[in-house]
Protein backbone atom coordinates (compact mmCIF):
# COMPACT_ATOMS: atom_id res chain seq x y z
CA UNK A 1 27.16 154.10 -19.53
CA UNK A 2 26.92 150.64 -20.24
CA UNK A 3 26.87 147.96 -22.57
CA UNK A 4 27.58 143.91 -22.65
CA UNK A 5 31.19 143.23 -22.81
CA UNK A 6 30.57 140.41 -25.16
CA UNK A 7 27.41 140.00 -27.65
CA UNK A 8 26.62 138.20 -31.10
CA UNK A 9 23.46 139.93 -31.75
CA UNK A 10 23.18 143.61 -33.46
CA UNK A 11 22.47 145.79 -32.01
CA UNK A 12 24.33 146.39 -29.37
CA UNK A 13 22.33 148.28 -26.76
CA UNK A 14 24.44 151.19 -24.80
CA UNK A 15 22.37 152.45 -21.99
CA UNK A 16 23.22 155.99 -20.84
CA UNK A 17 22.09 158.21 -17.91
CA UNK A 18 23.13 162.09 -17.91
CA UNK A 19 23.12 164.67 -14.95
CA UNK A 20 23.94 168.07 -14.48
CA UNK A 21 24.39 169.94 -11.21
CA UNK A 22 23.33 173.54 -12.38
CA UNK A 23 21.16 172.95 -15.59
CA UNK A 24 19.29 170.16 -17.06
CA UNK A 25 20.31 168.02 -19.99
CA UNK A 26 19.10 168.51 -22.96
CA UNK A 27 20.82 166.20 -25.55
CA UNK A 28 23.41 163.40 -24.83
CA UNK A 29 25.99 162.13 -28.18
CA UNK A 30 27.39 158.61 -28.79
CA UNK A 31 30.51 158.28 -30.19
CA UNK A 32 32.48 155.17 -30.56
CA UNK A 33 35.92 153.65 -32.23
CA UNK A 34 36.56 150.22 -33.55
CA UNK A 35 39.38 148.09 -32.13
CA UNK A 36 42.15 151.11 -31.91
CA UNK A 37 42.90 152.65 -28.84
CA UNK A 38 43.71 156.57 -28.67
CA UNK A 39 41.94 156.57 -31.81
CA UNK A 40 39.87 158.97 -33.34
CA UNK A 41 36.11 158.89 -31.53
CA UNK A 42 33.33 159.14 -34.59
CA UNK A 43 29.74 160.47 -33.74
CA UNK A 44 27.38 157.87 -33.76
CA UNK A 45 24.22 159.52 -33.23
CA UNK A 46 22.17 161.72 -30.23
CA UNK A 47 19.23 161.60 -27.75
CA UNK A 48 17.47 164.75 -26.62
CA UNK A 49 16.96 163.44 -23.16
CA UNK A 50 19.14 162.74 -19.99
CA UNK A 51 18.25 158.97 -19.83
CA UNK A 52 17.90 156.23 -22.76
CA UNK A 53 19.68 153.29 -24.89
CA UNK A 54 21.36 153.42 -28.09
CA UNK A 55 21.10 150.71 -30.45
CA UNK A 56 24.31 150.85 -32.12
CA UNK A 57 24.49 148.75 -35.33
CA UNK A 58 28.25 147.41 -35.69
CA UNK A 59 29.13 148.43 -38.91
CA UNK A 60 32.69 147.44 -38.97
CA UNK A 61 31.94 143.97 -38.55
CA UNK A 62 33.19 141.53 -35.94
CA UNK A 63 35.32 142.98 -33.08
CA UNK A 64 35.46 145.52 -29.85
CA UNK A 65 33.53 148.31 -29.99
CA UNK A 66 34.77 151.32 -27.59
CA UNK A 67 31.90 153.79 -26.51
CA UNK A 68 32.02 157.26 -24.98
CA UNK A 69 29.51 160.03 -24.60
CA UNK A 70 28.80 164.02 -24.11
CA UNK A 71 26.07 165.79 -22.90
CA UNK A 72 24.92 169.02 -23.90
CA UNK A 73 23.30 171.53 -21.04
CA UNK A 74 20.19 173.82 -21.45
CA UNK A 75 22.93 176.80 -21.76
CA UNK A 76 24.18 175.23 -25.09
CA UNK A 77 27.24 173.62 -22.76
CA UNK A 78 28.96 170.75 -24.25
CA UNK A 79 31.61 168.42 -22.94
CA UNK A 80 33.91 166.43 -25.05
CA UNK A 81 34.66 162.59 -25.01
CA UNK A 82 37.52 161.63 -23.02
CA UNK A 83 40.70 159.03 -23.82
CA UNK A 84 39.32 156.57 -21.48
CA UNK A 85 36.10 154.36 -23.03
CA UNK A 86 33.24 154.69 -20.47
CA UNK A 87 32.66 151.17 -21.80
CA UNK A 88 33.13 148.62 -25.08
CA UNK A 89 31.46 145.71 -26.18
CA UNK A 90 33.01 142.73 -28.03
CA UNK A 91 30.83 141.81 -31.23
CA UNK A 92 31.49 138.37 -31.61
CA UNK A 93 29.74 135.87 -34.53
CA UNK A 94 27.55 133.11 -32.99
CA UNK A 95 29.25 130.92 -35.44
CA UNK A 96 33.11 129.66 -35.33
CA UNK A 97 35.49 132.44 -37.56
CA UNK A 98 38.65 131.31 -38.53
CA UNK A 99 41.09 133.89 -38.72
CA UNK A 100 44.57 132.30 -39.67
CA UNK A 101 47.46 134.64 -38.87
CA UNK A 102 48.60 135.35 -42.28
CA UNK A 103 46.82 134.87 -45.91
CA UNK A 104 50.32 133.95 -47.73
CA UNK A 105 53.90 133.41 -46.79
CA UNK A 106 57.21 133.34 -48.28
CA UNK A 107 59.97 131.21 -46.97
CA UNK A 108 62.82 132.65 -48.80
CA UNK A 109 65.65 130.70 -50.03
CA UNK A 110 66.18 127.42 -48.92
CA UNK A 111 68.72 125.34 -50.08
CA UNK A 112 67.85 121.76 -51.79
CA UNK A 113 68.41 118.57 -49.56
CA UNK A 114 67.54 121.38 -46.54
CA UNK A 115 63.96 122.55 -45.16
CA UNK A 116 62.34 125.51 -43.68
CA UNK A 117 59.66 125.87 -41.17
CA UNK A 118 56.90 128.27 -40.37
CA UNK A 119 54.58 128.70 -37.96
CA UNK A 120 51.19 129.58 -38.83
CA UNK A 121 48.66 130.74 -36.20
CA UNK A 122 44.90 130.26 -36.29
CA UNK A 123 42.97 132.29 -34.21
CA UNK A 124 38.88 131.57 -34.03
CA UNK A 125 37.37 135.07 -33.68
CA UNK A 126 33.74 133.53 -33.77
CA UNK A 127 31.34 132.73 -30.90
CA UNK A 128 31.62 128.99 -30.70
CA UNK A 129 34.20 126.40 -31.57
CA UNK A 130 36.24 125.98 -34.61
CA UNK A 131 36.75 122.25 -35.51
CA UNK A 132 39.56 122.07 -38.20
CA UNK A 133 38.86 118.47 -39.76
CA UNK A 134 41.96 118.73 -42.37
CA UNK A 135 45.03 120.47 -43.72
CA UNK A 136 46.19 120.10 -47.32
CA UNK A 137 49.57 120.96 -48.83
CA UNK A 138 50.43 120.77 -52.22
CA UNK A 139 53.83 121.34 -54.19
CA UNK A 140 57.21 120.98 -52.23
CA UNK A 141 55.45 122.27 -48.75
CA UNK A 142 53.70 119.63 -45.90
CA UNK A 143 51.86 119.95 -42.54
CA UNK A 144 52.66 117.24 -39.79
CA UNK A 145 50.11 118.33 -37.60
CA UNK A 146 47.27 115.53 -37.40
CA UNK A 147 43.45 116.32 -37.64
CA UNK A 148 40.81 116.99 -36.00
CA UNK A 149 41.94 120.21 -34.21
CA UNK A 150 39.35 122.00 -31.91
CA UNK A 151 40.01 125.88 -31.14
CA UNK A 152 37.65 127.47 -28.60
CA UNK A 153 36.21 130.76 -29.13
CA UNK A 154 38.73 132.87 -28.69
CA UNK A 155 41.51 130.76 -28.49
CA UNK A 156 44.38 129.94 -31.11
CA UNK A 157 46.61 127.31 -31.81
CA UNK A 158 49.82 127.13 -34.16
CA UNK A 159 50.42 124.60 -36.74
CA UNK A 160 53.95 123.84 -38.46
CA UNK A 161 53.99 124.20 -42.10
CA UNK A 162 57.45 123.06 -43.98
CA UNK A 163 59.17 123.81 -47.28
CA UNK A 164 61.57 121.42 -48.94
CA UNK A 165 62.60 122.50 -52.54
CA UNK A 166 62.72 120.12 -54.63
CA UNK A 167 63.82 122.20 -57.76
CA UNK A 168 65.92 125.42 -58.18
CA UNK A 169 64.40 128.82 -58.45
CA UNK A 170 60.56 130.13 -57.53
CA UNK A 171 58.39 126.80 -55.74
CA UNK A 172 54.61 127.83 -55.53
CA UNK A 173 51.85 126.22 -52.98
CA UNK A 174 48.99 126.46 -50.96
CA UNK A 175 48.27 125.27 -47.52
CA UNK A 176 43.93 124.39 -47.35
CA UNK A 177 42.27 124.31 -44.11
CA UNK A 178 39.26 122.59 -43.76
CA UNK A 179 36.88 123.55 -41.09
CA UNK A 180 33.43 124.30 -39.79
CA UNK A 181 33.39 127.85 -40.48
CA UNK A 182 30.31 127.71 -42.74
CA UNK A 183 31.34 131.14 -44.36
CA UNK A 184 34.70 130.01 -45.26
CA UNK A 185 35.08 126.14 -45.32
CA UNK A 186 38.11 125.68 -47.23
CA UNK A 187 40.69 128.79 -46.16
CA UNK A 188 43.60 129.00 -48.87
CA UNK A 189 46.87 129.91 -47.60
CA UNK A 190 49.15 130.83 -50.72
CA UNK A 191 52.54 129.38 -50.15
CA UNK A 192 56.09 130.53 -51.75
CA UNK A 193 59.53 129.95 -51.36
CA UNK A 194 63.14 129.73 -53.73
CA UNK A 195 65.36 126.54 -53.95
CA UNK A 196 69.05 126.93 -54.69
CA UNK A 197 71.74 124.67 -54.92
CA UNK A 198 74.36 124.88 -52.08
CA UNK A 199 77.89 125.91 -52.76
CA UNK A 200 76.93 126.28 -56.82
CA UNK A 201 78.77 128.96 -58.41
CA UNK A 202 77.91 130.94 -62.02
CA UNK A 203 78.47 128.82 -64.72
CA UNK A 204 79.42 131.09 -68.00
CA UNK A 205 79.72 130.09 -71.17
CA UNK A 206 81.55 131.44 -74.65
CA UNK A 207 80.08 131.01 -77.91
CA UNK A 208 82.05 132.04 -80.87
CA UNK A 209 81.10 131.51 -84.52
CA UNK A 210 83.82 129.31 -85.54
CA UNK A 211 87.21 127.52 -84.68
CA UNK A 212 89.84 129.72 -86.75
CA UNK A 213 89.96 132.66 -88.35
CA UNK A 214 91.81 134.49 -91.09
CA UNK A 215 92.44 138.41 -91.99
CA UNK A 216 88.80 139.39 -93.69
CA UNK A 217 86.90 136.77 -91.26
CA UNK A 218 83.74 137.90 -89.47
CA UNK A 219 84.62 137.24 -85.76
CA UNK A 220 81.43 136.98 -83.40
CA UNK A 221 82.22 135.94 -79.89
CA UNK A 222 79.43 135.85 -77.30
CA UNK A 223 78.65 135.11 -73.69
CA UNK A 224 76.17 133.41 -71.62
CA UNK A 225 75.70 132.18 -68.28
CA UNK A 226 73.39 130.46 -65.99
CA UNK A 227 73.03 130.32 -61.95
CA UNK A 228 71.57 127.83 -59.36
CA UNK A 229 73.11 129.34 -56.28
CA UNK A 230 72.02 131.57 -53.70
CA UNK A 231 71.09 135.42 -54.24
CA UNK A 232 74.20 137.76 -54.70
CA UNK A 233 75.75 140.01 -56.33
CA UNK A 234 78.47 139.63 -59.24
CA UNK A 235 81.02 141.07 -61.60
CA UNK A 236 81.25 139.55 -65.24
CA UNK A 237 84.98 139.63 -66.64
CA UNK A 238 85.83 138.89 -69.84
CA UNK A 239 88.94 138.76 -71.50
CA UNK A 240 91.05 137.37 -74.53
CA UNK A 241 94.23 135.76 -74.72
CA UNK A 242 96.39 136.66 -78.35
CA UNK A 243 99.51 135.54 -79.67
CA UNK A 244 102.44 137.17 -78.08
CA UNK A 245 101.45 136.92 -74.49
CA UNK A 246 98.63 139.54 -74.99
CA UNK A 247 95.72 139.30 -72.28
CA UNK A 248 93.31 142.35 -72.76
CA UNK A 249 89.96 142.77 -71.10
CA UNK A 250 86.79 143.55 -72.86
CA UNK A 251 84.82 145.67 -73.51
CA UNK A 252 87.71 148.31 -73.81
CA UNK A 253 90.44 145.85 -75.00
CA UNK A 254 92.81 147.06 -72.46
CA UNK A 255 95.25 145.21 -70.19
CA UNK A 256 94.19 146.47 -66.80
CA UNK A 257 91.22 144.10 -65.39
CA UNK A 258 87.40 145.95 -65.94
CA UNK A 259 84.40 144.03 -65.27
CA UNK A 260 82.25 143.34 -69.10
CA UNK A 261 79.36 143.68 -66.92
CA UNK A 262 79.25 145.49 -63.57
CA UNK A 263 76.68 144.42 -60.23
CA UNK A 264 74.72 141.04 -61.72
CA UNK A 265 72.19 140.25 -59.27
CA UNK A 266 72.73 136.90 -59.03
CA UNK A 267 69.54 134.85 -57.96
CA UNK A 268 68.21 131.20 -58.10
CA UNK A 269 67.64 130.43 -61.63
CA UNK A 270 69.45 133.19 -63.23
CA UNK A 271 69.69 133.22 -66.59
CA UNK A 272 72.11 135.56 -69.10
CA UNK A 273 70.80 135.34 -73.05
CA UNK A 274 73.77 135.13 -75.37
CA UNK A 275 75.67 138.84 -74.99
CA UNK A 276 77.93 140.15 -77.70
CA UNK A 277 81.20 140.44 -76.96
CA UNK A 278 82.97 141.20 -80.31
CA UNK A 279 81.56 141.34 -83.73
CA UNK A 280 84.02 142.59 -85.92
CA UNK A 281 86.08 141.47 -89.42
CA UNK A 282 89.61 140.01 -88.31
CA UNK A 283 92.52 142.75 -89.05
CA UNK A 284 95.79 141.49 -89.90
CA UNK A 285 97.18 139.79 -86.93
CA UNK A 286 99.98 137.38 -86.59
CA UNK A 287 98.44 133.91 -86.32
CA UNK A 288 98.39 131.33 -83.41
CA UNK A 289 96.03 129.74 -80.85
CA UNK A 290 93.76 132.37 -79.02
CA UNK A 291 91.26 132.03 -76.46
CA UNK A 292 88.66 133.90 -74.79
CA UNK A 293 87.70 133.51 -71.19
CA UNK A 294 84.73 134.67 -68.94
CA UNK A 295 84.55 134.84 -65.04
CA UNK A 296 82.19 135.90 -62.44
CA UNK A 297 84.03 137.47 -59.62
CA UNK A 298 82.44 138.73 -56.17
CA UNK A 299 81.29 142.53 -56.49
CA UNK A 300 83.79 144.96 -56.12
CA UNK A 301 86.72 142.44 -55.98
CA UNK A 302 88.48 140.05 -58.28
CA UNK A 303 88.07 136.95 -56.29
CA UNK A 304 86.77 134.28 -58.73
CA UNK A 305 83.50 132.63 -58.21
CA UNK A 306 83.74 129.02 -59.48
CA UNK A 307 86.61 128.43 -62.40
CA UNK A 308 84.79 130.26 -65.24
CA UNK A 309 84.69 129.07 -69.07
CA UNK A 310 87.46 129.02 -71.86
CA UNK A 311 86.69 128.91 -75.82
CA UNK A 312 89.78 128.54 -77.84
CA UNK A 313 90.19 129.54 -81.59
CA UNK A 314 92.68 129.80 -84.20
CA UNK A 315 94.13 133.20 -85.59
CA UNK A 316 95.35 131.59 -89.17
CA UNK A 317 96.58 132.88 -92.86
CA UNK A 318 95.94 130.88 -96.12
CA UNK A 319 98.92 130.41 -97.88
CA UNK A 320 100.29 131.91 -100.88
CA UNK A 321 101.13 129.95 -103.82
CA UNK A 322 103.56 131.14 -106.88
CA UNK A 323 104.52 129.89 -109.91
CA UNK A 324 107.56 130.34 -112.23
CA UNK A 325 107.91 128.79 -115.64
CA UNK A 326 111.46 128.78 -117.17
CA UNK A 327 110.18 130.52 -120.70
CA UNK A 328 107.06 131.97 -122.65
CA UNK A 329 107.90 130.52 -125.90
CA UNK A 330 108.34 127.14 -126.77
CA UNK A 331 109.03 124.46 -129.75
CA UNK A 332 108.57 120.84 -130.19
CA UNK A 333 111.55 119.25 -128.46
CA UNK A 334 112.20 122.09 -126.18
CA UNK A 335 112.55 121.16 -122.29
CA UNK A 336 110.00 123.18 -119.84
CA UNK A 337 110.01 123.44 -116.43
CA UNK A 338 107.64 124.44 -114.05
CA UNK A 339 108.33 125.56 -110.51
CA UNK A 340 106.17 126.35 -107.54
CA UNK A 341 106.71 128.39 -104.16
CA UNK A 342 104.59 128.49 -101.12
CA UNK A 343 104.45 130.71 -98.33
CA UNK A 344 102.72 129.92 -95.23
CA UNK A 345 102.25 133.03 -92.74
CA UNK A 346 99.80 130.87 -90.89
CA UNK A 347 99.66 128.24 -88.73
CA UNK A 348 101.24 124.49 -89.21
CA UNK A 349 99.27 122.75 -91.93
CA UNK A 350 98.80 120.29 -94.39
CA UNK A 351 97.77 121.02 -98.42
CA UNK A 352 97.20 119.60 -101.88
CA UNK A 353 98.66 121.10 -104.51
CA UNK A 354 96.49 121.28 -107.85
CA UNK A 355 98.11 121.86 -111.57
CA UNK A 356 95.60 122.72 -114.49
CA UNK A 357 96.05 123.76 -117.72
CA UNK A 358 94.24 125.70 -120.18
CA UNK A 359 93.96 124.83 -123.94
CA UNK A 360 94.63 127.49 -126.68
CA UNK A 361 90.50 126.26 -127.19
CA UNK A 362 90.08 127.60 -123.70
CA UNK A 363 89.41 124.68 -121.66
CA UNK A 364 90.53 123.76 -119.02
CA UNK A 365 92.26 120.37 -117.56
CA UNK A 366 93.75 118.76 -114.64
CA UNK A 367 97.27 117.95 -115.51
CA UNK A 368 98.97 115.21 -114.94
CA UNK A 369 95.55 113.67 -115.90
CA UNK A 370 94.44 115.65 -118.81
CA UNK A 371 90.70 115.15 -117.48
CA UNK A 372 88.08 117.53 -115.98
CA UNK A 373 88.21 115.53 -113.11
CA UNK A 374 89.88 117.18 -110.13
CA UNK A 375 93.34 115.42 -109.42
CA UNK A 376 95.46 116.27 -107.40
CA UNK A 377 99.34 117.01 -108.72
CA UNK A 378 100.89 116.52 -104.80
CA UNK A 379 99.42 115.52 -101.86
CA UNK A 380 99.40 116.29 -98.27
CA UNK A 381 102.18 118.99 -98.87
CA UNK A 382 103.28 119.75 -94.80
CA UNK A 383 104.00 123.36 -94.47
CA UNK A 384 105.06 124.51 -91.01
CA UNK A 385 103.99 127.69 -89.18
CA UNK A 386 105.76 130.79 -90.98
CA UNK A 387 107.00 128.89 -93.47
CA UNK A 388 108.50 129.49 -97.00
CA UNK A 389 109.26 126.33 -99.16
CA UNK A 390 110.31 126.65 -102.45
CA UNK A 391 111.54 127.50 -105.63
CA UNK A 392 110.19 123.21 -105.83
CA UNK A 393 110.35 122.12 -109.68
CA UNK A 394 107.25 120.44 -110.75
CA UNK A 395 108.30 118.73 -113.54
CA UNK A 396 110.52 119.15 -116.27
CA UNK A 397 109.65 117.47 -119.84
CA UNK A 398 110.48 117.57 -123.43
CA UNK A 399 107.71 118.80 -125.35
CA UNK A 400 106.28 117.04 -128.19
CA UNK A 401 104.43 118.26 -131.04
CA UNK A 402 101.24 119.62 -129.92
CA UNK A 403 98.98 122.68 -131.69
CA UNK A 404 100.51 125.76 -131.35
CA UNK A 405 98.39 128.72 -129.28
CA UNK A 406 98.33 130.40 -126.23
CA UNK A 407 98.52 128.48 -122.91
CA UNK A 408 98.53 128.91 -119.83
CA UNK A 409 99.57 126.83 -116.35
CA UNK A 410 97.55 127.48 -113.19
CA UNK A 411 97.43 126.48 -109.69
CA UNK A 412 96.00 126.30 -106.63
CA UNK A 413 96.27 124.65 -102.99
CA UNK A 414 93.55 123.30 -100.91
CA UNK A 415 93.36 121.53 -97.71
CA UNK A 416 94.36 118.14 -97.51
CA UNK A 417 92.03 115.79 -99.25
CA UNK A 418 89.48 118.55 -99.43
CA UNK A 419 88.94 120.37 -103.23
CA UNK A 420 87.75 123.96 -101.28
CA UNK A 421 90.60 126.47 -102.99
CA UNK A 422 91.63 128.40 -99.95
CA UNK A 423 94.83 130.19 -101.65
CA UNK A 424 95.49 132.45 -104.84
CA UNK A 425 95.17 130.83 -108.07
CA UNK A 426 98.74 131.89 -109.79
CA UNK A 427 99.30 131.52 -113.60
CA UNK A 428 101.83 131.31 -116.31
CA UNK A 429 101.34 132.04 -119.67
CA UNK A 430 103.61 130.56 -122.71
CA UNK A 431 102.83 129.83 -126.31
CA UNK A 432 103.88 127.24 -128.52
CA UNK A 433 105.11 128.08 -131.89
CA UNK A 434 105.15 126.11 -135.23
CA UNK A 435 107.17 122.92 -135.23
CA UNK A 436 110.70 122.71 -136.04
CA UNK A 437 111.53 122.14 -139.66
CA UNK A 438 110.97 118.84 -141.22
CA UNK A 439 108.13 118.03 -138.33
CA UNK A 440 104.71 117.72 -138.15
CA UNK A 441 102.21 119.55 -135.25
CA UNK A 442 99.32 116.94 -134.09
CA UNK A 443 96.10 118.11 -133.58
CA UNK A 444 95.16 118.69 -130.25
CA UNK A 445 93.47 115.43 -129.32
CA UNK A 446 96.43 113.67 -130.68
CA UNK A 447 98.98 115.84 -129.32
CA UNK A 448 97.61 115.94 -125.69
CA UNK A 449 97.11 111.81 -125.89
CA UNK A 450 100.79 112.33 -126.45
CA UNK A 451 101.53 114.97 -123.79
CA UNK A 452 104.44 113.71 -121.56
CA UNK A 453 103.19 113.27 -118.00
CA UNK A 454 105.99 114.24 -115.10
CA UNK A 455 108.12 111.83 -114.31
CA UNK A 456 108.37 112.87 -110.51
CA UNK A 457 107.20 112.10 -107.23
CA UNK A 458 103.82 113.25 -106.73
């Protein structure tokens, strides 16, 4: 059996001659396999004579075809194709054919400021010289090889492609090889790689829904994070520091360290969206400064990755105000004394005290201005943490003749320089009865125009 070792034409002529010493050859069958040593032979066709030429059509395209054959004698005896081919033919294109070793390549992770080079092999599987006239790249990729490059039929060459990441995360690009291969004049090779910051550590961030909280307030704590370093695995720890030296780990609020999230697959460009740590109504707790801390550690260890993040907040309590009056029924000339007591269970703060009086008509006026315009009775009262102040006399004055009826003293504390109630509003009711014998009670407007102002420091 014989065939051309290399050819650019189809069909490929495969000539055979068969002999049998005992009987005549009645049939010869051609077998072939394509570019696979020790592969499975496939039957192509048969001739009913002992010599001739098969016209083999290479249905798998360009490449090496191996041939074998079996003969059947007149008694029906037939052999099997052997492992060693009887001949082979390299079916080649008559034009140049570009055959890159890869049609895509992933450079993996490369630090920003560093480079990584990939050697791309380009083969010419055609029947004439391949001429590469231009090599173009895009994105963070480059090729320094100069053109033109000529590759004879059956030869290969190598070009160097460099990845120089300019940003964090996945960086896509392409390489285009322009040649005289008429079927693929522009051969595109997809390129990808990932840029990362060298020595970068994960950056967590704690987000709270406020800076100061009291019993009954809603408290929402969330954590978010981002990462720009190389791929690794980490655990995220979140803990809270409370007054009294308590250091508790989330999510179970145990004193023993436990990850809030375990086995996080970090990669360049990783982002953890806002994740709720706790969302509760504040119970009764000791006041003081508190803080949440978030810290990444290498997986399965307590070895920190970076400094983490801390966000402070305050547990506070509103002050409580009480009023006391030296009586419940008064007449003209009686001395009235009003006192206040302030309890501050929370942190140190400054407050303003507003005092008001409700008249028998139902109208409420601020005192001592006796107008409906808010006017502090005492400004900038400094309260220490956990302090109780009082009773402190607000005023002591002799009552003039005013309209008889029921009156009401009331008061409230506000943050210093802010008219925004944040304490309870205590009241003290009292009654002004008819004037003493021989005196006359003026009307409301006249009486309150004469209502005395306290002669005490405000």
